[in-house]
Amino acid sequence: MIKILISHCLLGENCKWNGRNNARDLLISIQDKVEYIPVCAEVFGGLPTPRIPSERVGDKVMSEIDLDVTKNYMDGALKVLEIAKRNNVSYAIFKERSPSCGVHQIYDGTFSRNVVSGKGFTTELLEQNGIKVYSDEEIQELILKVRSNG
């Protein structure tokens, strides 16, 4: 069975910055063909839920109150990579625009909801280590991949 790292919030876990989740019902449609490995880099990095919103600014992640939380994000990313390696994972599906999980886009660091091209810390680290990361907006593409391999 194919193993897929997945942002825990996409499975309904209330681990988002605001204490909510980003549940995606469509992910259930492939649940019998995959083994999900839920992860949350922010939580793994020691940040609470809920937490002050943070955005990536270059090589740093800053909170809305100008607190540098880069170390938390890096620690969380490293823990996710360790889990991926231990489980021999080839794919991940993450929440777009997150400073950890953004695949193609992230918020621009101004806390004005402006989006720019970029990757979250965890996505960047996983891709550097050969893991293909899909965004939650590419669920259909991942489903096709799983069905063709399964």
C-alpha atoms as a PDB file:
ATOM      1  CA  MET A   1       0.000   0.000   0.000  1.00  0.00           C
ATOM      2  CA  ILE A   2       1.298   3.441  -0.935  1.00  0.00           C
ATOM      3  CA  LYS A   3       2.227   5.708   1.988  1.00  0.00           C
ATOM      4  CA  ILE A   4       1.469   9.424   1.777  1.00  0.00           C
ATOM      5  CA  LEU A   5       2.456  12.126   4.236  1.00  0.00           C
ATOM      6  CA  ILE A   6      -0.494  14.427   4.710  1.00  0.00           C
ATOM      7  CA  SER A   7      -1.086  17.707   6.502  1.00  0.00           C
ATOM      8  CA  HIS A   8      -3.029  16.606   9.550  1.00  0.00           C
ATOM      9  CA  CYS A   9      -5.419  19.555   9.151  1.00  0.00           C
ATOM     10  CA  LEU A  10      -6.548  18.111   5.785  1.00  0.00           C
ATOM     11  CA  LEU A  11      -7.865  15.059   7.635  1.00  0.00           C
ATOM     12  CA  GLY A  12      -9.895  17.224  10.005  1.00  0.00           C
ATOM     13  CA  GLU A  13      -7.430  17.606  12.884  1.00  0.00           C
ATOM     14  CA  ASN A  14      -7.836  21.023  14.516  1.00  0.00           C
ATOM     15  CA  CYS A  15      -4.160  21.997  14.300  1.00  0.00           C
ATOM     16  CA  LYS A  16      -4.352  25.121  12.117  1.00  0.00           C
ATOM     17  CA  TRP A  17      -3.031  28.414  13.493  1.00  0.00           C
ATOM     18  CA  ASN A  18      -6.595  29.423  14.426  1.00  0.00           C
ATOM     19  CA  GLY A  19      -7.442  26.097  16.082  1.00  0.00           C
ATOM     20  CA  ARG A  20      -9.506  24.892  13.127  1.00  0.00           C
ATOM     21  CA  ASN A  21      -8.859  22.452  10.287  1.00  0.00           C
ATOM     22  CA  ASN A  22      -8.836  22.286   6.488  1.00  0.00           C
ATOM     23  CA  ALA A  23     -10.669  18.944   6.069  1.00  0.00           C
ATOM     24  CA  ARG A  24     -10.930  17.702   2.455  1.00  0.00           C
ATOM     25  CA  ASP A  25     -13.665  15.116   1.933  1.00  0.00           C
ATOM     26  CA  LEU A  26     -12.212  14.093  -1.431  1.00  0.00           C
ATOM     27  CA  LEU A  27      -9.183  12.595   0.311  1.00  0.00           C
ATOM     28  CA  ILE A  28     -11.489   9.936   1.745  1.00  0.00           C
ATOM     29  CA  SER A  29     -12.035   8.617  -1.786  1.00  0.00           C
ATOM     30  CA  ILE A  30      -8.518   7.157  -1.884  1.00  0.00           C
ATOM     31  CA  GLN A  31      -8.307   6.131   1.764  1.00  0.00           C
ATOM     32  CA  ASP A  32      -8.648   2.421   0.930  1.00  0.00           C
ATOM     33  CA  LYS A  33      -5.673   2.607  -1.457  1.00  0.00           C
ATOM     34  CA  VAL A  34      -3.213   4.559   0.686  1.00  0.00           C
ATOM     35  CA  GLU A  35      -1.732   4.689   4.138  1.00  0.00           C
ATOM     36  CA  TYR A  36      -1.904   8.274   5.343  1.00  0.00           C
ATOM     37  CA  ILE A  37       0.823   9.461   7.685  1.00  0.00           C
ATOM     38  CA  PRO A  38      -0.542  12.661   9.246  1.00  0.00           C
ATOM     39  CA  VAL A  39       1.963  15.368  10.152  1.00  0.00           C
ATOM     40  CA  CYS A  40       1.893  18.971  11.333  1.00  0.00           C
ATOM     41  CA  ALA A  41       5.304  20.626  11.184  1.00  0.00           C
ATOM     42  CA  GLU A  42       4.181  23.589  13.272  1.00  0.00           C
ATOM     43  CA  VAL A  43       3.017  21.350  16.111  1.00  0.00           C
ATOM     44  CA  PHE A  44       6.081  19.093  15.730  1.00  0.00           C
ATOM     45  CA  GLY A  45       8.205  22.248  16.011  1.00  0.00           C
ATOM     46  CA  GLY A  46       6.695  23.069  19.395  1.00  0.00           C
ATOM     47  CA  LEU A  47       4.119  25.706  18.454  1.00  0.00           C
ATOM     48  CA  PRO A  48       0.732  25.661  20.214  1.00  0.00           C
ATOM     49  CA  THR A  49      -2.721  25.399  18.674  1.00  0.00           C
ATOM     50  CA  PRO A  50      -4.120  27.947  18.279  1.00  0.00           C
ATOM     51  CA  ARG A  51      -1.078  30.138  17.627  1.00  0.00           C
ATOM     52  CA  ILE A  52      -0.243  33.597  16.366  1.00  0.00           C
ATOM     53  CA  PRO A  53      -0.328  33.604  12.533  1.00  0.00           C
ATOM     54  CA  SER A  54       3.077  33.406  10.851  1.00  0.00           C
ATOM     55  CA  GLU A  55       4.299  33.966   7.311  1.00  0.00           C
ATOM     56  CA  ARG A  56       7.498  33.168   5.486  1.00  0.00           C
ATOM     57  CA  VAL A  57       9.771  36.107   4.712  1.00  0.00           C
ATOM     58  CA  GLY A  58      12.780  34.898   2.730  1.00  0.00           C
ATOM     59  CA  ASP A  59      14.667  32.393   4.869  1.00  0.00           C
ATOM     60  CA  LYS A  60      12.723  33.266   8.008  1.00  0.00           C
ATOM     61  CA  VAL A  61       9.236  32.748   9.375  1.00  0.00           C
ATOM     62  CA  MET A  62       7.898  35.685  11.352  1.00  0.00           C
ATOM     63  CA  SER A  63       4.763  35.853  13.455  1.00  0.00           C
ATOM     64  CA  GLU A  64       2.236  38.620  13.110  1.00  0.00           C
ATOM     65  CA  ILE A  65       3.660  40.204  16.285  1.00  0.00           C
ATOM     66  CA  ASP A  66       7.172  40.195  14.760  1.00  0.00           C
ATOM     67  CA  LEU A  67       8.438  37.157  16.673  1.00  0.00           C
ATOM     68  CA  ASP A  68      11.000  35.053  14.755  1.00  0.00           C
ATOM     69  CA  VAL A  69       9.647  31.479  14.787  1.00  0.00           C
ATOM     70  CA  THR A  70      12.044  30.150  12.145  1.00  0.00           C
ATOM     71  CA  LYS A  71      13.599  27.614  14.522  1.00  0.00           C
ATOM     72  CA  ASN A  72      10.190  26.108  15.284  1.00  0.00           C
ATOM     73  CA  TYR A  73       9.458  25.751  11.581  1.00  0.00           C
ATOM     74  CA  MET A  74      12.869  24.240  10.830  1.00  0.00           C
ATOM     75  CA  ASP A  75      12.632  21.808  13.769  1.00  0.00           C
ATOM     76  CA  GLY A  76       9.181  20.735  12.602  1.00  0.00           C
ATOM     77  CA  ALA A  77      10.346  20.290   9.009  1.00  0.00           C
ATOM     78  CA  LEU A  78      13.246  18.109  10.154  1.00  0.00           C
ATOM     79  CA  LYS A  79      10.881  15.924  12.196  1.00  0.00           C
ATOM     80  CA  VAL A  80       8.574  15.513   9.193  1.00  0.00           C
ATOM     81  CA  LEU A  81      11.556  14.536   7.009  1.00  0.00           C
ATOM     82  CA  GLU A  82      12.624  11.966   9.617  1.00  0.00           C
ATOM     83  CA  ILE A  83       9.107  10.475   9.594  1.00  0.00           C
ATOM     84  CA  ALA A  84       9.102  10.419   5.783  1.00  0.00           C
ATOM     85  CA  LYS A  85      12.444   8.599   5.651  1.00  0.00           C
ATOM     86  CA  ARG A  86      11.488   6.139   8.378  1.00  0.00           C
ATOM     87  CA  ASN A  87       8.309   5.268   6.449  1.00  0.00           C
ATOM     88  CA  ASN A  88       9.890   5.253   2.975  1.00  0.00           C
ATOM     89  CA  VAL A  89       7.411   7.865   1.725  1.00  0.00           C
ATOM     90  CA  SER A  90       7.477   9.043  -1.902  1.00  0.00           C
ATOM     91  CA  TYR A  91       4.529  11.480  -1.829  1.00  0.00           C
ATOM     92  CA  ALA A  92       3.046  14.147   0.390  1.00  0.00           C
ATOM     93  CA  ILE A  93      -0.090  16.255   0.179  1.00  0.00           C
ATOM     94  CA  PHE A  94       0.106  19.560   2.010  1.00  0.00           C
ATOM     95  CA  LYS A  95      -1.914  22.721   2.579  1.00  0.00           C
ATOM     96  CA  GLU A  96      -1.168  25.392  -0.015  1.00  0.00           C
ATOM     97  CA  ARG A  97       0.022  28.837   1.157  1.00  0.00           C
ATOM     98  CA  SER A  98       1.199  27.649   4.590  1.00  0.00           C
ATOM     99  CA  PRO A  99       4.680  28.800   5.701  1.00  0.00           C
ATOM    100  CA  SER A 100       5.425  25.107   6.376  1.00  0.00           C
ATOM    101  CA  CYS A 101       3.450  23.324   3.711  1.00  0.00           C
ATOM    102  CA  GLY A 102       2.951  25.723   0.796  1.00  0.00           C
ATOM    103  CA  VAL A 103       3.736  23.864  -2.423  1.00  0.00           C
ATOM    104  CA  HIS A 104       3.483  26.569  -5.088  1.00  0.00           C
ATOM    105  CA  GLN A 105       2.357  29.623  -3.131  1.00  0.00           C
ATOM    106  CA  ILE A 106       2.847  31.235   0.267  1.00  0.00           C
ATOM    107  CA  TYR A 107       1.615  34.440   1.834  1.00  0.00           C
ATOM    108  CA  ASP A 108       4.009  37.337   1.207  1.00  0.00           C
ATOM    109  CA  GLY A 109       4.902  38.140   4.828  1.00  0.00           C
ATOM    110  CA  THR A 110       2.806  41.312   5.100  1.00  0.00           C
ATOM    111  CA  PHE A 111      -0.199  39.610   6.770  1.00  0.00           C
ATOM    112  CA  SER A 112      -2.443  41.189   4.133  1.00  0.00           C
ATOM    113  CA  ARG A 113      -3.472  37.850   2.512  1.00  0.00           C
ATOM    114  CA  ASN A 114      -1.310  38.622  -0.542  1.00  0.00           C
ATOM    115  CA  VAL A 115       0.005  35.469  -2.183  1.00  0.00           C
ATOM    116  CA  VAL A 116       3.360  35.020  -3.937  1.00  0.00           C
ATOM    117  CA  SER A 117       5.109  32.106  -5.599  1.00  0.00           C
ATOM    118  CA  GLY A 118       7.080  30.158  -3.042  1.00  0.00           C
ATOM    119  CA  LYS A 119       7.346  27.062  -0.895  1.00  0.00           C
ATOM    120  CA  GLY A 120       6.942  26.354   2.773  1.00  0.00           C
ATOM    121  CA  PHE A 121       9.925  25.151   4.824  1.00  0.00           C
ATOM    122  CA  THR A 122       8.723  21.547   5.073  1.00  0.00           C
ATOM    123  CA  THR A 123       7.808  21.265   1.402  1.00  0.00           C
ATOM    124  CA  GLU A 124      11.196  22.655   0.407  1.00  0.00           C
ATOM    125  CA  LEU A 125      13.045  20.162   2.628  1.00  0.00           C
ATOM    126  CA  LEU A 126      11.024  17.174   1.439  1.00  0.00           C
ATOM    127  CA  GLU A 127      11.509  18.068  -2.225  1.00  0.00           C
ATOM    128  CA  GLN A 128      15.260  18.445  -1.650  1.00  0.00           C
ATOM    129  CA  ASN A 129      15.132  14.856  -0.416  1.00  0.00           C
ATOM    130  CA  GLY A 130      13.263  13.450  -3.417  1.00  0.00           C
ATOM    131  CA  ILE A 131       9.708  13.450  -2.100  1.00  0.00           C
ATOM    132  CA  LYS A 132       7.024  14.692  -4.507  1.00  0.00           C
ATOM    133  CA  VAL A 133       4.744  17.149  -2.718  1.00  0.00           C
ATOM    134  CA  TYR A 134       1.234  17.925  -3.969  1.00  0.00           C
ATOM    135  CA  SER A 135      -0.906  20.774  -2.686  1.00  0.00           C
ATOM    136  CA  ASP A 136      -4.420  20.263  -1.384  1.00  0.00           C
ATOM    137  CA  GLU A 137      -5.485  21.994  -4.597  1.00  0.00           C
ATOM    138  CA  GLU A 138      -3.988  19.121  -6.632  1.00  0.00           C
ATOM    139  CA  ILE A 139      -5.949  16.292  -5.027  1.00  0.00           C
ATOM    140  CA  GLN A 140      -7.285  15.057  -8.381  1.00  0.00           C
ATOM    141  CA  GLU A 141      -3.747  14.747  -9.769  1.00  0.00           C
ATOM    142  CA  LEU A 142      -2.660  12.729  -6.744  1.00  0.00           C
ATOM    143  CA  ILE A 143      -5.708  10.474  -6.962  1.00  0.00           C
ATOM    144  CA  LEU A 144      -4.878   9.672 -10.588  1.00  0.00           C
ATOM    145  CA  LYS A 145      -1.292   8.883  -9.577  1.00  0.00           C
ATOM    146  CA  VAL A 146      -2.449   6.583  -6.761  1.00  0.00           C
ATOM    147  CA  ARG A 147      -4.971   4.798  -8.971  1.00  0.00           C
ATOM    148  CA  SER A 148      -2.401   4.235 -11.723  1.00  0.00           C
ATOM    149  CA  ASN A 149       0.057   2.793  -9.179  1.00  0.00           C
ATOM    150  CA  GLY A 150      -2.531   0.770  -7.270  1.00  0.00           C
END
